Amino acid sequence: MFRTIWSTVYGLLVDDGQLAIGALAALAVTWLLAAAGGDRTQQIVGWALLAMVLVLVVLNLYRAGLVARARVSSAQR
């Protein structure tokens, strides 16, 4: 199990480091919120984690689109 987790995390860091680091940071934030908060906070941290990861994915896709657009426009010149 740990070998699989390690290879997955390693693959994320190698393939797309910013997304992986952001996801790990979001996980750390929600873990701290769950540890420090009460019952109500623990009920919503899962939704907070989902929202943070979705924002990270959308921002990563946006950035990838900008990079692709720049490559296409520079190739056309």
Protein backbone atom coordinates (compact mmCIF):
# COMPACT_ATOMS: atom_id res chain seq x y z
CA MET A 1 0.00 0.00 0.00
CA PHE A 2 2.76 2.46 0.93
CA ARG A 3 4.66 1.67 -2.26
CA THR A 4 1.57 2.52 -4.32
CA ILE A 5 0.98 5.77 -2.40
CA TRP A 6 4.62 6.75 -2.78
CA SER A 7 4.68 6.03 -6.53
CA THR A 8 1.47 8.02 -7.02
CA VAL A 9 2.76 11.04 -5.09
CA TYR A 10 6.12 10.81 -6.86
CA GLY A 11 4.36 10.67 -10.24
CA LEU A 12 2.32 13.74 -9.39
CA LEU A 13 5.39 15.68 -8.35
CA VAL A 14 7.30 14.74 -11.47
CA ASP A 15 4.44 15.25 -13.94
CA ASP A 16 2.92 18.41 -12.49
CA GLY A 17 4.64 19.68 -9.39
CA GLN A 18 2.57 22.81 -8.83
CA LEU A 19 -0.72 20.92 -8.84
CA ALA A 20 0.63 18.24 -6.52
CA ILE A 21 2.13 20.74 -4.08
CA GLY A 22 -1.12 22.71 -4.09
CA ALA A 23 -3.16 19.58 -3.42
CA LEU A 24 -0.88 18.58 -0.56
CA ALA A 25 -1.11 22.12 0.86
CA ALA A 26 -4.92 21.99 0.61
CA LEU A 27 -4.89 18.66 2.39
CA ALA A 28 -2.68 20.08 5.14
CA VAL A 29 -4.96 23.11 5.58
CA THR A 30 -8.07 20.97 5.87
CA TRP A 31 -6.31 18.61 8.27
CA LEU A 32 -5.36 21.56 10.49
CA LEU A 33 -8.92 22.91 10.33
CA ALA A 34 -10.35 19.52 11.26
CA ALA A 35 -7.92 19.12 14.15
CA ALA A 36 -8.53 22.61 15.53
CA GLY A 37 -12.26 22.89 14.91
CA GLY A 38 -15.29 21.45 16.56
CA ASP A 39 -17.91 19.06 15.24
CA ARG A 40 -19.38 21.58 12.81
CA THR A 41 -15.96 22.35 11.34
CA GLN A 42 -15.19 18.66 10.92
CA GLN A 43 -18.39 18.24 8.94
CA ILE A 44 -17.46 20.86 6.35
CA VAL A 45 -13.71 20.34 5.89
CA GLY A 46 -14.33 17.66 3.25
CA TRP A 47 -16.28 20.17 1.19
CA ALA A 48 -13.55 22.74 1.74
CA LEU A 49 -10.93 20.27 0.50
CA LEU A 50 -13.04 19.49 -2.56
CA ALA A 51 -13.46 23.20 -3.33
CA MET A 52 -9.75 23.92 -2.94
CA VAL A 53 -8.70 21.03 -5.17
CA LEU A 54 -11.26 21.99 -7.82
CA VAL A 55 -9.94 25.56 -7.83
CA LEU A 56 -6.40 24.21 -8.17
CA VAL A 57 -7.39 22.05 -11.14
CA VAL A 58 -9.20 24.91 -12.89
CA LEU A 59 -6.26 27.26 -12.37
CA ASN A 60 -3.86 24.59 -13.64
CA LEU A 61 -5.99 24.06 -16.76
CA TYR A 62 -6.14 27.82 -17.33
CA ARG A 63 -2.35 28.09 -17.04
CA ALA A 64 -1.88 25.14 -19.39
CA GLY A 65 -4.18 26.83 -21.89
CA LEU A 66 -2.15 30.03 -21.74
CA VAL A 67 1.07 28.10 -22.30
CA ALA A 68 -0.45 26.19 -25.23
CA ARG A 69 -1.75 29.42 -26.77
CA ALA A 70 1.68 31.01 -26.45
CA ARG A 71 3.32 28.01 -28.12
CA VAL A 72 0.84 28.05 -31.00
CA SER A 73 1.22 31.78 -31.57
CA SER A 74 5.03 31.57 -31.48
CA ALA A 75 4.98 28.63 -33.92
CA GLN A 76 2.87 30.62 -36.39
CA ARG A 77 5.40 33.46 -36.58
